[in-house]
Amino acid sequence: MKISDQLQTLQLQKKVEDKIVAYITTECQKANINPLPLPKFREGLATYDEPKFAKMANRLRKGAVLLAQVLDERESTND
């Protein structure tokens, strides 16, 4: 099964979203941002009311998709 297909499963989507939330929280702690942004989960996606954090989460999701596509292409050329 391709990695990009695996990203569509609920189990992997939840893990990715958890990593995104953890990353944003860690970066905010490093930058001494208080209060920390709290995500709201809507349809399995972590959403933020603050636009800059919502934008960061979307960029991280796009990065995960791009990485999956690159790995899929790499795997298909190795076959």
N, C-alpha and C. Protein backbone atom coordinates (compact mmCIF):
# COMPACT_ATOMS: atom_id res chain seq x y z
N MET A 1 0.85 -1.18 0.00
CA MET A 1 0.00 0.00 0.00
C MET A 1 0.89 1.24 0.00
N LYS A 2 0.55 2.19 -0.83
CA LYS A 2 1.31 3.43 -0.92
C LYS A 2 1.18 4.23 0.37
N ILE A 3 2.21 4.99 0.67
CA ILE A 3 2.19 5.82 1.87
C ILE A 3 1.10 6.88 1.76
N SER A 4 0.93 7.45 0.58
CA SER A 4 -0.11 8.46 0.40
C SER A 4 -1.51 7.87 0.64
N ASP A 5 -1.68 6.60 0.31
CA ASP A 5 -2.95 5.93 0.60
C ASP A 5 -3.12 5.70 2.10
N GLN A 6 -2.01 5.37 2.76
CA GLN A 6 -2.07 5.15 4.20
C GLN A 6 -2.44 6.43 4.94
N LEU A 7 -2.05 7.58 4.38
CA LEU A 7 -2.40 8.86 5.02
C LEU A 7 -3.90 9.09 5.07
N GLN A 8 -4.65 8.36 4.25
CA GLN A 8 -6.10 8.51 4.22
C GLN A 8 -6.80 7.72 5.33
N THR A 9 -6.07 6.81 5.99
CA THR A 9 -6.68 6.02 7.05
C THR A 9 -6.85 6.86 8.30
N LEU A 10 -7.91 6.62 9.02
CA LEU A 10 -8.20 7.41 10.22
C LEU A 10 -7.11 7.26 11.27
N GLN A 11 -6.57 6.06 11.39
CA GLN A 11 -5.55 5.81 12.41
C GLN A 11 -4.31 6.66 12.15
N LEU A 12 -3.83 6.68 10.92
CA LEU A 12 -2.64 7.47 10.59
C LEU A 12 -2.93 8.96 10.60
N GLN A 13 -4.12 9.34 10.18
CA GLN A 13 -4.50 10.75 10.22
C GLN A 13 -4.46 11.27 11.65
N LYS A 14 -4.96 10.47 12.59
CA LYS A 14 -4.96 10.89 14.00
C LYS A 14 -3.53 11.05 14.50
N LYS A 15 -2.64 10.13 14.13
CA LYS A 15 -1.25 10.23 14.56
C LYS A 15 -0.58 11.47 13.99
N VAL A 16 -0.86 11.77 12.73
CA VAL A 16 -0.28 12.96 12.10
C VAL A 16 -0.81 14.21 12.80
N GLU A 17 -2.09 14.26 13.05
CA GLU A 17 -2.68 15.43 13.72
C GLU A 17 -2.11 15.60 15.12
N ASP A 18 -1.92 14.50 15.83
CA ASP A 18 -1.31 14.58 17.17
C ASP A 18 0.11 15.14 17.09
N LYS A 19 0.86 14.73 16.07
CA LYS A 19 2.23 15.25 15.89
C LYS A 19 2.22 16.73 15.54
N ILE A 20 1.25 17.14 14.73
CA ILE A 20 1.13 18.56 14.37
C ILE A 20 0.85 19.40 15.61
N VAL A 21 -0.09 18.95 16.43
CA VAL A 21 -0.43 19.67 17.66
C VAL A 21 0.77 19.74 18.59
N ALA A 22 1.47 18.63 18.73
CA ALA A 22 2.65 18.59 19.61
C ALA A 22 3.73 19.54 19.09
N TYR A 23 3.93 19.56 17.78
CA TYR A 23 4.96 20.43 17.20
C TYR A 23 4.61 21.90 17.43
N ILE A 24 3.37 22.28 17.16
CA ILE A 24 2.96 23.67 17.34
C ILE A 24 3.08 24.07 18.81
N THR A 25 2.67 23.20 19.70
CA THR A 25 2.77 23.49 21.14
C THR A 25 4.22 23.67 21.55
N THR A 26 5.10 22.80 21.09
CA THR A 26 6.52 22.88 21.42
C THR A 26 7.13 24.18 20.91
N GLU A 27 6.81 24.53 19.67
CA GLU A 27 7.35 25.77 19.09
C GLU A 27 6.85 27.00 19.85
N CYS A 28 5.60 26.97 20.29
CA CYS A 28 5.06 28.08 21.06
C CYS A 28 5.73 28.18 22.43
N GLN A 29 6.01 27.05 23.04
CA GLN A 29 6.72 27.05 24.32
C GLN A 29 8.11 27.62 24.15
N LYS A 30 8.81 27.25 23.07
CA LYS A 30 10.14 27.78 22.81
C LYS A 30 10.12 29.29 22.63
N ALA A 31 9.04 29.79 22.02
CA ALA A 31 8.91 31.22 21.75
C ALA A 31 8.27 31.97 22.91
N ASN A 32 8.02 31.27 24.02
CA ASN A 32 7.38 31.86 25.20
C ASN A 32 6.04 32.51 24.88
N ILE A 33 5.25 31.84 24.06
CA ILE A 33 3.92 32.33 23.72
C ILE A 33 2.95 31.81 24.78
N ASN A 34 2.30 32.76 25.44
CA ASN A 34 1.32 32.41 26.46
C ASN A 34 0.06 33.22 26.23
N PRO A 35 -1.09 32.65 26.34
CA PRO A 35 -1.34 31.23 26.59
C PRO A 35 -1.06 30.41 25.32
N LEU A 36 -0.79 29.14 25.54
CA LEU A 36 -0.55 28.24 24.41
C LEU A 36 -1.83 28.08 23.59
N PRO A 37 -1.68 27.97 22.28
CA PRO A 37 -2.88 27.80 21.45
C PRO A 37 -3.50 26.42 21.69
N LEU A 38 -4.79 26.41 21.83
CA LEU A 38 -5.51 25.16 22.04
C LEU A 38 -6.23 24.77 20.77
N PRO A 39 -5.95 23.59 20.26
CA PRO A 39 -6.64 23.16 19.04
C PRO A 39 -8.04 22.68 19.34
N LYS A 40 -8.88 22.80 18.35
CA LYS A 40 -10.21 22.21 18.39
C LYS A 40 -10.23 21.19 17.26
N PHE A 41 -10.68 20.01 17.56
CA PHE A 41 -10.71 18.97 16.54
C PHE A 41 -12.06 18.98 15.85
N ARG A 42 -12.01 19.19 14.53
CA ARG A 42 -13.21 19.19 13.71
C ARG A 42 -12.99 18.22 12.56
N GLU A 43 -13.84 17.22 12.48
CA GLU A 43 -13.73 16.21 11.43
C GLU A 43 -12.34 15.59 11.38
N GLY A 44 -11.75 15.38 12.55
CA GLY A 44 -10.45 14.73 12.64
C GLY A 44 -9.26 15.64 12.45
N LEU A 45 -9.50 16.92 12.14
CA LEU A 45 -8.39 17.86 11.93
C LEU A 45 -8.29 18.82 13.11
N ALA A 46 -7.05 19.09 13.50
CA ALA A 46 -6.82 20.08 14.55
C ALA A 46 -6.94 21.46 13.93
N THR A 47 -7.84 22.26 14.44
CA THR A 47 -8.01 23.62 13.93
C THR A 47 -7.70 24.61 15.04
N TYR A 48 -7.25 25.76 14.63
CA TYR A 48 -6.89 26.81 15.58
C TYR A 48 -7.66 28.07 15.23
N ASP A 49 -8.10 28.81 16.26
CA ASP A 49 -8.78 30.08 16.03
C ASP A 49 -7.82 31.15 15.54
N GLU A 50 -6.58 31.08 16.02
CA GLU A 50 -5.55 32.04 15.62
C GLU A 50 -5.07 31.70 14.20
N PRO A 51 -5.19 32.64 13.26
CA PRO A 51 -4.84 32.35 11.86
C PRO A 51 -3.41 31.86 11.64
N LYS A 52 -2.44 32.40 12.38
CA LYS A 52 -1.06 31.98 12.13
C LYS A 52 -0.83 30.52 12.52
N PHE A 53 -1.52 30.04 13.53
CA PHE A 53 -1.38 28.64 13.92
C PHE A 53 -2.15 27.72 12.98
N ALA A 54 -3.29 28.19 12.51
CA ALA A 54 -4.05 27.43 11.52
C ALA A 54 -3.23 27.28 10.24
N LYS A 55 -2.57 28.36 9.85
CA LYS A 55 -1.74 28.34 8.66
C LYS A 55 -0.57 27.37 8.84
N MET A 56 0.04 27.38 10.02
CA MET A 56 1.15 26.48 10.30
C MET A 56 0.69 25.02 10.23
N ALA A 57 -0.46 24.73 10.80
CA ALA A 57 -0.98 23.36 10.78
C ALA A 57 -1.23 22.91 9.34
N ASN A 58 -1.80 23.79 8.53
CA ASN A 58 -2.06 23.44 7.13
C ASN A 58 -0.77 23.20 6.37
N ARG A 59 0.24 24.00 6.63
CA ARG A 59 1.53 23.80 5.97
C ARG A 59 2.17 22.48 6.38
N LEU A 60 2.04 22.12 7.64
CA LEU A 60 2.59 20.85 8.09
C LEU A 60 1.86 19.68 7.43
N ARG A 61 0.55 19.80 7.28
CA ARG A 61 -0.22 18.75 6.60
C ARG A 61 0.22 18.61 5.14
N LYS A 62 0.39 19.74 4.47
CA LYS A 62 0.83 19.72 3.07
C LYS A 62 2.22 19.11 2.97
N GLY A 63 3.07 19.41 3.93
CA GLY A 63 4.41 18.83 3.95
C GLY A 63 4.37 17.32 4.10
N ALA A 64 3.47 16.83 4.93
CA ALA A 64 3.32 15.39 5.12
C ALA A 64 2.85 14.72 3.83
N VAL A 65 1.93 15.36 3.13
CA VAL A 65 1.43 14.81 1.86
C VAL A 65 2.54 14.80 0.82
N LEU A 66 3.29 15.89 0.73
CA LEU A 66 4.39 15.96 -0.24
C LEU A 66 5.45 14.90 0.05
N LEU A 67 5.79 14.72 1.32
CA LEU A 67 6.76 13.70 1.68
C LEU A 67 6.25 12.31 1.31
N ALA A 68 4.98 12.05 1.57
CA ALA A 68 4.40 10.75 1.21
C ALA A 68 4.48 10.52 -0.29
N GLN A 69 4.21 11.57 -1.08
CA GLN A 69 4.27 11.44 -2.53
C GLN A 69 5.70 11.15 -3.00
N VAL A 70 6.66 11.83 -2.42
CA VAL A 70 8.06 11.59 -2.79
C VAL A 70 8.47 10.16 -2.44
N LEU A 71 8.08 9.71 -1.27
CA LEU A 71 8.41 8.34 -0.87
C LEU A 71 7.71 7.31 -1.75
N ASP A 72 6.47 7.60 -2.15
CA ASP A 72 5.76 6.70 -3.07
C ASP A 72 6.49 6.62 -4.41
N GLU A 73 6.91 7.77 -4.92
CA GLU A 73 7.63 7.80 -6.20
C GLU A 73 8.95 7.05 -6.09
N ARG A 74 9.62 7.24 -5.00
CA ARG A 74 10.91 6.56 -4.78
C ARG A 74 10.71 5.05 -4.73
N GLU A 75 9.66 4.64 -4.04
CA GLU A 75 9.37 3.21 -3.92
C GLU A 75 8.99 2.61 -5.27
N SER A 76 8.24 3.35 -6.08
CA SER A 76 7.80 2.82 -7.38
C SER A 76 8.97 2.73 -8.36
N THR A 77 9.97 3.59 -8.23
CA THR A 77 11.13 3.51 -9.11
C THR A 77 12.08 2.39 -8.71
N ASN A 78 12.00 1.96 -7.45
CA ASN A 78 12.83 0.87 -6.97
C ASN A 78 12.28 -0.49 -7.36
N ASP A 79 11.01 -0.54 -7.74
CA ASP A 79 10.37 -1.83 -8.11
C ASP A 79 10.84 -2.30 -9.45
